[in-house]
Amino acid sequence: MALGARAMMWLTWAMLAMLSGGLLRACEQPPKTMISGQVATVVINDRAFKLEIAATDAVRMKGLGQRASIPEDGGMIFVFPPSQVRVQEFLMRDCLVDIDIVYLDGAGRVLSFHEMKAEPPRDPSKGEGQPGEMGNAAYEGRLKRYSSRFPATFVIELKGGTIRTLQVKEGDLVQLDIAGLKSMAR
């Protein structure tokens, strides 16, 4: 009988340990999504990112171009107004570092994603213009395009290598302030 009582005691302790672990996890608060000024906190697979908001054509066109680095928890979220929700194509215009891109539908579901590699810089001797110059056909014609494949409302750019560590998959739901971001799109 002593062995049975000892086994019951261990079983009780094991159950209490499992239960308390579950209660502690239940008390943990998931990261909050929010907008503060021109920064949105977005959660991808339980990891929070503070993303600059690109809600106008001018900001969307420049994107993360000419940045020498991207913070581990940083990047940019592009928001398109209803009239511009379509299959999106991004390219690495004047980007100095690798960037991961995640295309989302209007509900925040992952449509597609890509690991975009930095392109060789512009070559003015080949008529490719100067950094920051928009619409240079010679330069932009040689850049690889990365497609959303389906109409995208939101596009997230992160530091290169991030989506691999997050194990992002098509269909994943990204947590973001959908209504707040959509209201900013111009």
Protein backbone atom coordinates (compact mmCIF):
# COMPACT_ATOMS: atom_id res chain seq x y z
CA MET A 1 0.00 0.00 0.00
CA ALA A 2 2.92 2.35 0.69
CA LEU A 3 4.00 2.07 -2.94
CA GLY A 4 0.48 2.92 -4.08
CA ALA A 5 0.35 5.98 -1.81
CA ARG A 6 3.79 7.10 -2.99
CA ALA A 7 2.74 6.67 -6.63
CA MET A 8 -0.43 8.69 -5.97
CA MET A 9 1.63 11.42 -4.33
CA TRP A 10 3.97 11.60 -7.38
CA LEU A 11 1.00 11.56 -9.74
CA THR A 12 -0.62 14.40 -7.78
CA TRP A 13 2.61 16.42 -7.84
CA ALA A 14 3.01 15.82 -11.58
CA MET A 15 -0.56 16.91 -12.25
CA LEU A 16 -0.14 20.03 -10.10
CA ALA A 17 3.09 20.90 -11.93
CA MET A 18 1.41 20.51 -15.32
CA LEU A 19 -1.62 22.49 -14.20
CA SER A 20 0.43 25.32 -12.70
CA GLY A 21 2.51 25.52 -15.89
CA GLY A 22 -0.68 25.83 -17.90
CA LEU A 23 -2.04 28.48 -15.54
CA LEU A 24 1.16 30.48 -15.79
CA ARG A 25 1.02 30.36 -19.57
CA ALA A 26 -2.65 31.35 -19.47
CA CYS A 27 -1.68 34.44 -17.45
CA GLU A 28 0.92 35.52 -20.01
CA GLN A 29 -0.43 38.28 -22.20
CA PRO A 30 0.19 37.98 -25.93
CA PRO A 31 1.92 41.01 -27.46
CA LYS A 32 -0.59 43.75 -28.24
CA THR A 33 -1.13 45.06 -31.72
CA MET A 34 -1.45 48.82 -31.89
CA ILE A 35 -0.65 51.94 -33.86
CA SER A 36 1.38 54.73 -32.31
CA GLY A 37 2.04 57.65 -34.65
CA GLN A 38 3.60 56.19 -37.78
CA VAL A 39 4.53 52.84 -36.20
CA ALA A 40 2.37 49.73 -36.00
CA THR A 41 3.04 46.87 -33.61
CA VAL A 42 2.33 43.67 -35.52
CA VAL A 43 2.56 40.10 -34.21
CA ILE A 44 3.79 37.30 -36.47
CA ASN A 45 3.80 33.81 -34.94
CA ASP A 46 3.90 35.23 -31.37
CA ARG A 47 6.76 37.65 -32.11
CA ALA A 48 6.09 41.40 -32.01
CA PHE A 49 7.53 43.82 -34.57
CA LYS A 50 7.44 47.61 -34.59
CA LEU A 51 6.91 48.48 -38.24
CA GLU A 52 7.03 51.88 -39.91
CA ILE A 53 3.75 52.53 -41.69
CA ALA A 54 3.86 53.18 -45.44
CA ALA A 55 0.33 54.41 -46.16
CA THR A 56 0.94 56.93 -48.98
CA ASP A 57 2.28 56.49 -52.50
CA ALA A 58 5.46 58.49 -51.76
CA VAL A 59 6.36 56.43 -48.68
CA ARG A 60 5.36 53.14 -50.32
CA MET A 61 7.56 53.92 -53.34
CA LYS A 62 10.66 54.57 -51.24
CA GLY A 63 10.04 51.71 -48.82
CA LEU A 64 13.20 50.58 -47.04
CA GLY A 65 15.44 51.75 -49.91
CA GLN A 66 18.82 53.23 -48.96
CA ARG A 67 18.73 51.71 -45.44
CA ALA A 68 22.02 50.26 -44.26
CA SER A 69 20.29 48.05 -41.68
CA ILE A 70 16.91 46.93 -40.36
CA PRO A 71 16.38 46.31 -36.63
CA GLU A 72 15.66 42.71 -35.54
CA ASP A 73 12.14 43.75 -34.48
CA GLY A 74 11.69 46.44 -37.12
CA GLY A 75 10.72 46.87 -40.73
CA MET A 76 7.83 48.40 -42.61
CA ILE A 77 4.16 47.66 -43.26
CA PHE A 78 2.69 48.88 -46.53
CA VAL A 79 -1.05 49.58 -46.52
CA PHE A 80 -2.96 49.96 -49.77
CA PRO A 81 -6.31 51.74 -50.17
CA PRO A 82 -9.15 49.69 -51.72
CA SER A 83 -8.49 51.19 -55.19
CA GLN A 84 -4.92 49.77 -55.09
CA VAL A 85 -5.65 46.30 -53.67
CA ARG A 86 -4.39 44.01 -56.43
CA VAL A 87 -1.60 41.56 -57.14
CA GLN A 88 1.40 43.48 -55.82
CA GLU A 89 4.94 43.30 -57.21
CA PHE A 90 7.83 44.57 -55.13
CA LEU A 91 11.44 44.94 -56.15
CA MET A 92 14.69 45.83 -54.38
CA ARG A 93 15.04 49.46 -55.52
CA ASP A 94 18.16 50.99 -53.92
CA CYS A 95 18.07 48.39 -51.13
CA LEU A 96 21.44 47.86 -49.47
CA VAL A 97 20.46 44.83 -47.35
CA ASP A 98 18.45 41.64 -47.83
CA ILE A 99 14.76 41.97 -46.99
CA ASP A 100 12.06 39.40 -46.31
CA ILE A 101 8.62 40.27 -47.65
CA VAL A 102 5.24 38.92 -46.54
CA TYR A 103 2.08 39.67 -48.54
CA LEU A 104 -1.23 39.70 -46.63
CA ASP A 105 -4.86 39.85 -47.65
CA GLY A 106 -7.34 42.29 -46.08
CA ALA A 107 -7.88 39.98 -43.08
CA GLY A 108 -4.15 39.67 -42.33
CA ARG A 109 -3.66 36.16 -43.78
CA VAL A 110 -0.33 35.34 -45.44
CA LEU A 111 -0.75 35.06 -49.21
CA SER A 112 2.91 34.57 -50.11
CA PHE A 113 6.38 35.51 -48.92
CA HIS A 114 9.87 35.85 -50.35
CA GLU A 115 13.46 36.26 -49.27
CA MET A 116 14.61 39.20 -51.40
CA LYS A 117 18.34 39.58 -51.96
CA ALA A 118 20.01 42.99 -52.27
CA GLU A 119 20.70 43.89 -55.91
CA PRO A 120 23.96 45.35 -57.23
CA PRO A 121 23.84 49.16 -56.87
CA ARG A 122 22.92 51.43 -59.74
CA ASP A 123 25.57 52.00 -62.37
CA PRO A 124 25.31 55.62 -63.61
CA SER A 125 27.70 54.77 -66.47
CA LYS A 126 24.98 52.44 -67.82
CA GLY A 127 22.30 55.13 -67.58
CA GLU A 128 20.83 53.74 -64.36
CA GLY A 129 20.60 57.15 -62.68
CA GLN A 130 21.31 58.07 -59.07
CA PRO A 131 20.08 56.38 -55.86
CA GLY A 132 16.60 57.51 -54.91
CA GLU A 133 15.66 58.37 -58.50
CA MET A 134 12.31 56.85 -59.41
CA GLY A 135 11.22 55.51 -62.76
CA ASN A 136 14.63 54.83 -64.31
CA ALA A 137 13.77 52.15 -66.89
CA ALA A 138 17.36 50.89 -67.35
CA TYR A 139 17.79 50.30 -63.62
CA GLU A 140 14.35 49.02 -62.76
CA GLY A 141 14.29 46.74 -65.81
CA ARG A 142 17.09 44.60 -64.38
CA LEU A 143 15.58 44.20 -60.90
CA LYS A 144 13.84 40.95 -59.94
CA ARG A 145 10.13 41.28 -59.13
CA TYR A 146 8.51 39.49 -56.19
CA SER A 147 4.77 38.86 -56.61
CA SER A 148 1.97 38.48 -54.08
CA ARG A 149 0.22 36.10 -56.55
CA PHE A 150 -3.15 37.23 -55.13
CA PRO A 151 -4.58 40.70 -54.35
CA ALA A 152 -2.77 42.06 -51.27
CA THR A 153 -3.91 44.81 -48.91
CA PHE A 154 -0.88 44.72 -46.61
CA VAL A 155 2.79 44.01 -47.28
CA ILE A 156 5.36 43.55 -44.53
CA GLU A 157 9.10 43.96 -45.02
CA LEU A 158 11.45 42.58 -42.36
CA LYS A 159 15.17 42.06 -41.89
CA GLY A 160 16.47 39.35 -44.23
CA GLY A 161 16.32 35.85 -42.72
CA THR A 162 13.45 36.65 -40.35
CA ILE A 163 10.65 34.69 -42.05
CA ARG A 164 12.74 31.53 -41.95
CA THR A 165 13.19 31.81 -38.16
CA LEU A 166 9.47 32.56 -37.71
CA GLN A 167 8.53 29.57 -39.88
CA VAL A 168 5.95 31.66 -41.74
CA LYS A 169 3.52 29.65 -43.89
CA GLU A 170 0.86 30.62 -46.41
CA GLY A 171 -2.46 30.95 -44.59
CA ASP A 172 -0.91 32.06 -41.27
CA LEU A 173 -2.83 34.88 -39.60
CA VAL A 174 -0.75 37.94 -38.73
CA GLN A 175 -2.10 40.00 -35.84
CA LEU A 176 -2.42 43.69 -36.73
CA ASP A 177 -4.81 46.59 -36.25
CA ILE A 178 -6.60 46.01 -39.55
CA ALA A 179 -9.21 48.78 -39.24
CA GLY A 180 -6.68 51.33 -37.95
CA LEU A 181 -4.20 50.62 -40.73
CA LYS A 182 -6.85 50.60 -43.47
CA SER A 183 -8.08 53.99 -42.27
CA MET A 184 -4.57 55.43 -42.84
CA ALA A 185 -4.21 54.22 -46.45
CA ARG A 186 -4.13 56.98 -49.08
